[in-house]
Amino acid sequence: MPNCTYETEVDRVRMIGNDVRRSAETSTLELLRTVSSTVDALAAMQKACGTFESLAHQATDSIRKCKPARVIDADNIVSDLLSAAEGALQVQDAVLRKQLAAAQNDPALRGENREDIVSEFKRSIVACADLHNAIVDMRWAIMEHDADLSPVSKPYTDVEELIKDLRS
């Protein structure tokens, strides 16, 4: 075993201590930046969802208040677009819920940082759900509007006659 001097060992221990401290401080700062960036991104998403929700409510109110004069979505293009938006929001909701669970279970997140990020994820989930519901309402308002303009079929008393007419 080589001879060691007290000074060499103390210097090595100090170096390790300093390196670990700097690394921990850097990691903490990176975590704080990540938390801050995530909170900002979630707040921006909430704002966008709120804006789109407001626009959807306005459009829905206008559709419901207007007297049906012409069909809005004869080819179901609008309905398909709104259904696709609903699907995208459902995917976004699932992603947000997974990220919320990860944040809740992350041991690196503690105290105020944990509370901030968890509450922003929860608010984002609510904003996403509110927008989804507004899109569904708008799609249904369009379908109801267009249904009011569709020709009324004759009443059927015979199932076979109904099936025959549906096939034609």
C-alpha atoms as a PDB file:
ATOM      1  CA  MET A   1       0.000   0.000   0.000  1.00  0.00           C
ATOM      2  CA  PRO A   2       1.506   3.353  -0.978  1.00  0.00           C
ATOM      3  CA  ASN A   3       2.194   5.981   1.596  1.00  0.00           C
ATOM      4  CA  CYS A   4      -0.480   8.663   1.713  1.00  0.00           C
ATOM      5  CA  THR A   5      -0.170  12.052   3.168  1.00  0.00           C
ATOM      6  CA  TYR A   6      -2.827  13.669   5.229  1.00  0.00           C
ATOM      7  CA  GLU A   7      -2.835  16.748   2.972  1.00  0.00           C
ATOM      8  CA  THR A   8      -3.423  14.684  -0.177  1.00  0.00           C
ATOM      9  CA  GLU A   9      -6.420  12.899   1.342  1.00  0.00           C
ATOM     10  CA  VAL A  10      -7.914  16.115   2.704  1.00  0.00           C
ATOM     11  CA  ASP A  11      -7.514  17.759  -0.717  1.00  0.00           C
ATOM     12  CA  ARG A  12      -9.179  14.790  -2.414  1.00  0.00           C
ATOM     13  CA  VAL A  13     -12.080  14.830   0.050  1.00  0.00           C
ATOM     14  CA  ARG A  14     -12.520  18.582  -0.401  1.00  0.00           C
ATOM     15  CA  MET A  15     -12.478  18.195  -4.166  1.00  0.00           C
ATOM     16  CA  ILE A  16     -15.126  15.486  -4.016  1.00  0.00           C
ATOM     17  CA  GLY A  17     -17.238  17.559  -1.651  1.00  0.00           C
ATOM     18  CA  ASN A  18     -17.013  20.641  -3.867  1.00  0.00           C
ATOM     19  CA  ASP A  19     -17.775  18.661  -7.031  1.00  0.00           C
ATOM     20  CA  VAL A  20     -20.803  16.984  -5.452  1.00  0.00           C
ATOM     21  CA  ARG A  21     -22.087  20.332  -4.116  1.00  0.00           C
ATOM     22  CA  ARG A  22     -21.702  22.032  -7.527  1.00  0.00           C
ATOM     23  CA  SER A  23     -23.351  19.101  -9.266  1.00  0.00           C
ATOM     24  CA  ALA A  24     -26.272  19.116  -6.817  1.00  0.00           C
ATOM     25  CA  GLU A  25     -26.682  22.886  -7.146  1.00  0.00           C
ATOM     26  CA  THR A  26     -26.639  22.592 -10.938  1.00  0.00           C
ATOM     27  CA  SER A  27     -29.191  19.773 -10.829  1.00  0.00           C
ATOM     28  CA  THR A  28     -31.421  21.809  -8.523  1.00  0.00           C
ATOM     29  CA  LEU A  29     -31.223  24.825 -10.825  1.00  0.00           C
ATOM     30  CA  GLU A  30     -31.993  22.658 -13.853  1.00  0.00           C
ATOM     31  CA  LEU A  31     -34.983  21.167 -12.039  1.00  0.00           C
ATOM     32  CA  LEU A  32     -36.229  24.648 -11.099  1.00  0.00           C
ATOM     33  CA  ARG A  33     -35.867  25.791 -14.725  1.00  0.00           C
ATOM     34  CA  THR A  34     -37.695  22.698 -15.921  1.00  0.00           C
ATOM     35  CA  VAL A  35     -40.505  23.231 -13.405  1.00  0.00           C
ATOM     36  CA  SER A  36     -40.762  26.890 -14.399  1.00  0.00           C
ATOM     37  CA  SER A  37     -40.795  26.049 -18.120  1.00  0.00           C
ATOM     38  CA  THR A  38     -43.413  23.349 -17.599  1.00  0.00           C
ATOM     39  CA  VAL A  39     -45.633  25.659 -15.543  1.00  0.00           C
ATOM     40  CA  ASP A  40     -45.316  28.357 -18.228  1.00  0.00           C
ATOM     41  CA  ALA A  41     -46.138  25.899 -21.019  1.00  0.00           C
ATOM     42  CA  LEU A  42     -49.155  24.585 -19.139  1.00  0.00           C
ATOM     43  CA  ALA A  43     -50.393  28.122 -18.463  1.00  0.00           C
ATOM     44  CA  ALA A  44     -50.066  28.949 -22.182  1.00  0.00           C
ATOM     45  CA  MET A  45     -51.998  25.800 -23.073  1.00  0.00           C
ATOM     46  CA  GLN A  46     -54.741  26.739 -20.591  1.00  0.00           C
ATOM     47  CA  LYS A  47     -54.981  30.193 -22.150  1.00  0.00           C
ATOM     48  CA  ALA A  48     -55.248  28.724 -25.667  1.00  0.00           C
ATOM     49  CA  CYS A  49     -57.897  26.244 -24.523  1.00  0.00           C
ATOM     50  CA  GLY A  50     -59.851  29.068 -22.884  1.00  0.00           C
ATOM     51  CA  THR A  51     -59.704  31.182 -26.040  1.00  0.00           C
ATOM     52  CA  PHE A  52     -60.887  28.317 -28.246  1.00  0.00           C
ATOM     53  CA  GLU A  53     -63.574  27.399 -25.725  1.00  0.00           C
ATOM     54  CA  SER A  54     -64.892  30.967 -25.776  1.00  0.00           C
ATOM     55  CA  LEU A  55     -64.949  30.998 -29.580  1.00  0.00           C
ATOM     56  CA  ALA A  56     -66.740  27.639 -29.648  1.00  0.00           C
ATOM     57  CA  HIS A  57     -69.383  28.889 -27.196  1.00  0.00           C
ATOM     58  CA  GLN A  58     -69.930  32.028 -29.283  1.00  0.00           C
ATOM     59  CA  ALA A  59     -70.330  29.994 -32.471  1.00  0.00           C
ATOM     60  CA  THR A  60     -72.657  27.543 -30.741  1.00  0.00           C
ATOM     61  CA  ASP A  61     -74.832  30.352 -29.378  1.00  0.00           C
ATOM     62  CA  SER A  62     -75.033  31.945 -32.832  1.00  0.00           C
ATOM     63  CA  ILE A  63     -75.998  28.657 -34.464  1.00  0.00           C
ATOM     64  CA  ARG A  64     -78.684  27.967 -31.866  1.00  0.00           C
ATOM     65  CA  LYS A  65     -80.134  31.495 -32.110  1.00  0.00           C
ATOM     66  CA  CYS A  66     -80.303  31.756 -35.882  1.00  0.00           C
ATOM     67  CA  LYS A  67     -83.365  30.644 -37.769  1.00  0.00           C
ATOM     68  CA  PRO A  68     -82.366  27.682 -39.922  1.00  0.00           C
ATOM     69  CA  ALA A  69     -82.243  28.918 -43.515  1.00  0.00           C
ATOM     70  CA  ARG A  70     -79.616  26.656 -45.044  1.00  0.00           C
ATOM     71  CA  VAL A  71     -77.643  23.573 -44.091  1.00  0.00           C
ATOM     72  CA  ILE A  72     -74.281  24.305 -42.457  1.00  0.00           C
ATOM     73  CA  ASP A  73     -72.579  20.944 -42.930  1.00  0.00           C
ATOM     74  CA  ALA A  74     -74.165  19.097 -45.848  1.00  0.00           C
ATOM     75  CA  ASP A  75     -71.082  16.955 -46.506  1.00  0.00           C
ATOM     76  CA  ASN A  76     -70.223  16.336 -42.833  1.00  0.00           C
ATOM     77  CA  ILE A  77     -66.831  17.987 -43.344  1.00  0.00           C
ATOM     78  CA  VAL A  78     -67.274  20.273 -40.327  1.00  0.00           C
ATOM     79  CA  SER A  79     -68.533  17.392 -38.211  1.00  0.00           C
ATOM     80  CA  ASP A  80     -65.510  15.303 -39.178  1.00  0.00           C
ATOM     81  CA  LEU A  81     -63.127  18.177 -38.350  1.00  0.00           C
ATOM     82  CA  LEU A  82     -64.768  18.747 -34.978  1.00  0.00           C
ATOM     83  CA  SER A  83     -64.716  15.003 -34.235  1.00  0.00           C
ATOM     84  CA  ALA A  84     -60.999  14.965 -35.043  1.00  0.00           C
ATOM     85  CA  ALA A  85     -60.492  17.912 -32.671  1.00  0.00           C
ATOM     86  CA  GLU A  86     -62.387  16.027 -29.964  1.00  0.00           C
ATOM     87  CA  GLY A  87     -60.114  13.013 -30.513  1.00  0.00           C
ATOM     88  CA  ALA A  88     -56.984  15.167 -30.316  1.00  0.00           C
ATOM     89  CA  LEU A  89     -58.235  16.668 -27.055  1.00  0.00           C
ATOM     90  CA  GLN A  90     -58.878  13.181 -25.656  1.00  0.00           C
ATOM     91  CA  VAL A  91     -55.287  12.221 -26.490  1.00  0.00           C
ATOM     92  CA  GLN A  92     -54.048  15.446 -24.904  1.00  0.00           C
ATOM     93  CA  ASP A  93     -56.087  14.688 -21.778  1.00  0.00           C
ATOM     94  CA  ALA A  94     -54.534  11.209 -21.519  1.00  0.00           C
ATOM     95  CA  VAL A  95     -51.019  12.651 -21.893  1.00  0.00           C
ATOM     96  CA  LEU A  96     -51.693  15.318 -19.267  1.00  0.00           C
ATOM     97  CA  ARG A  97     -53.016  12.710 -16.844  1.00  0.00           C
ATOM     98  CA  LYS A  98     -49.878  10.573 -17.293  1.00  0.00           C
ATOM     99  CA  GLN A  99     -47.675  13.612 -16.778  1.00  0.00           C
ATOM    100  CA  LEU A 100     -49.666  14.584 -13.684  1.00  0.00           C
ATOM    101  CA  ALA A 101     -49.181  11.107 -12.221  1.00  0.00           C
ATOM    102  CA  ALA A 102     -45.456  11.287 -13.000  1.00  0.00           C
ATOM    103  CA  ALA A 103     -45.184  14.680 -11.284  1.00  0.00           C
ATOM    104  CA  GLN A 104     -47.091  13.427  -8.256  1.00  0.00           C
ATOM    105  CA  ASN A 105     -44.755  10.445  -7.954  1.00  0.00           C
ATOM    106  CA  ASP A 106     -41.468  12.231  -8.730  1.00  0.00           C
ATOM    107  CA  PRO A 107     -39.334  12.293  -5.572  1.00  0.00           C
ATOM    108  CA  ALA A 108     -37.284  15.202  -6.977  1.00  0.00           C
ATOM    109  CA  LEU A 109     -40.354  17.437  -6.841  1.00  0.00           C
ATOM    110  CA  ARG A 110     -41.014  18.650  -3.335  1.00  0.00           C
ATOM    111  CA  GLY A 111     -42.764  21.468  -1.572  1.00  0.00           C
ATOM    112  CA  GLU A 112     -43.876  24.486  -3.535  1.00  0.00           C
ATOM    113  CA  ASN A 113     -42.416  23.179  -6.817  1.00  0.00           C
ATOM    114  CA  ARG A 114     -44.491  20.016  -6.547  1.00  0.00           C
ATOM    115  CA  GLU A 115     -47.635  21.952  -5.591  1.00  0.00           C
ATOM    116  CA  ASP A 116     -47.188  24.404  -8.477  1.00  0.00           C
ATOM    117  CA  ILE A 117     -46.651  21.814 -11.166  1.00  0.00           C
ATOM    118  CA  VAL A 118     -49.375  19.467  -9.898  1.00  0.00           C
ATOM    119  CA  SER A 119     -51.942  22.283  -9.720  1.00  0.00           C
ATOM    120  CA  GLU A 120     -51.013  23.477 -13.243  1.00  0.00           C
ATOM    121  CA  PHE A 121     -51.455  19.960 -14.624  1.00  0.00           C
ATOM    122  CA  LYS A 122     -54.857  19.736 -12.918  1.00  0.00           C
ATOM    123  CA  ARG A 123     -55.917  23.132 -14.323  1.00  0.00           C
ATOM    124  CA  SER A 124     -54.734  22.057 -17.767  1.00  0.00           C
ATOM    125  CA  ILE A 125     -56.791  18.871 -17.588  1.00  0.00           C
ATOM    126  CA  VAL A 126     -59.880  20.919 -16.680  1.00  0.00           C
ATOM    127  CA  ALA A 127     -59.204  23.434 -19.483  1.00  0.00           C
ATOM    128  CA  CYS A 128     -58.778  20.595 -21.980  1.00  0.00           C
ATOM    129  CA  ALA A 129     -62.036  18.951 -20.829  1.00  0.00           C
ATOM    130  CA  ASP A 130     -63.927  22.259 -20.980  1.00  0.00           C
ATOM    131  CA  LEU A 131     -62.739  22.838 -24.553  1.00  0.00           C
ATOM    132  CA  HIS A 132     -63.653  19.259 -25.492  1.00  0.00           C
ATOM    133  CA  ASN A 133     -67.171  19.776 -24.137  1.00  0.00           C
ATOM    134  CA  ALA A 134     -67.526  23.087 -25.997  1.00  0.00           C
ATOM    135  CA  ILE A 135     -66.485  21.402 -29.262  1.00  0.00           C
ATOM    136  CA  VAL A 136     -68.997  18.588 -28.683  1.00  0.00           C
ATOM    137  CA  ASP A 137     -71.747  21.150 -28.009  1.00  0.00           C
ATOM    138  CA  MET A 138     -70.867  23.034 -31.183  1.00  0.00           C
ATOM    139  CA  ARG A 139     -70.891  19.866 -33.288  1.00  0.00           C
ATOM    140  CA  TRP A 140     -74.285  18.905 -31.875  1.00  0.00           C
ATOM    141  CA  ALA A 141     -75.661  22.402 -32.452  1.00  0.00           C
ATOM    142  CA  ILE A 142     -74.665  22.120 -36.113  1.00  0.00           C
ATOM    143  CA  MET A 143     -76.212  18.654 -36.439  1.00  0.00           C
ATOM    144  CA  GLU A 144     -79.449  19.814 -34.778  1.00  0.00           C
ATOM    145  CA  HIS A 145     -79.540  22.914 -36.979  1.00  0.00           C
ATOM    146  CA  ASP A 146     -79.070  20.833 -40.115  1.00  0.00           C
ATOM    147  CA  ALA A 147     -81.584  18.209 -38.945  1.00  0.00           C
ATOM    148  CA  ASP A 148     -84.222  20.934 -38.654  1.00  0.00           C
ATOM    149  CA  LEU A 149     -83.749  21.583 -42.388  1.00  0.00           C
ATOM    150  CA  SER A 150     -83.794  17.975 -43.519  1.00  0.00           C
ATOM    151  CA  PRO A 151     -86.926  16.667 -45.175  1.00  0.00           C
ATOM    152  CA  VAL A 152     -89.362  14.926 -42.889  1.00  0.00           C
ATOM    153  CA  SER A 153     -89.943  11.338 -43.850  1.00  0.00           C
ATOM    154  CA  LYS A 154     -93.327   9.756 -43.974  1.00  0.00           C
ATOM    155  CA  PRO A 155     -94.561   7.886 -40.915  1.00  0.00           C
ATOM    156  CA  TYR A 156     -94.086   4.123 -40.999  1.00  0.00           C
ATOM    157  CA  THR A 157     -96.305   1.484 -39.543  1.00  0.00           C
ATOM    158  CA  ASP A 158     -94.607  -1.414 -41.314  1.00  0.00           C
ATOM    159  CA  VAL A 159     -90.964  -2.255 -40.509  1.00  0.00           C
ATOM    160  CA  GLU A 160     -90.457  -3.966 -43.868  1.00  0.00           C
ATOM    161  CA  GLU A 161     -91.519  -0.806 -45.692  1.00  0.00           C
ATOM    162  CA  LEU A 162     -89.087   1.272 -43.605  1.00  0.00           C
ATOM    163  CA  ILE A 163     -86.216  -1.120 -44.351  1.00  0.00           C
ATOM    164  CA  LYS A 164     -87.095  -1.079 -48.062  1.00  0.00           C
ATOM    165  CA  ASP A 165     -87.029   2.725 -48.114  1.00  0.00           C
ATOM    166  CA  LEU A 166     -83.753   2.867 -46.193  1.00  0.00           C
ATOM    167  CA  ARG A 167     -82.116   0.560 -48.744  1.00  0.00           C
ATOM    168  CA  SER A 168     -83.279   2.615 -51.701  1.00  0.00           C
END
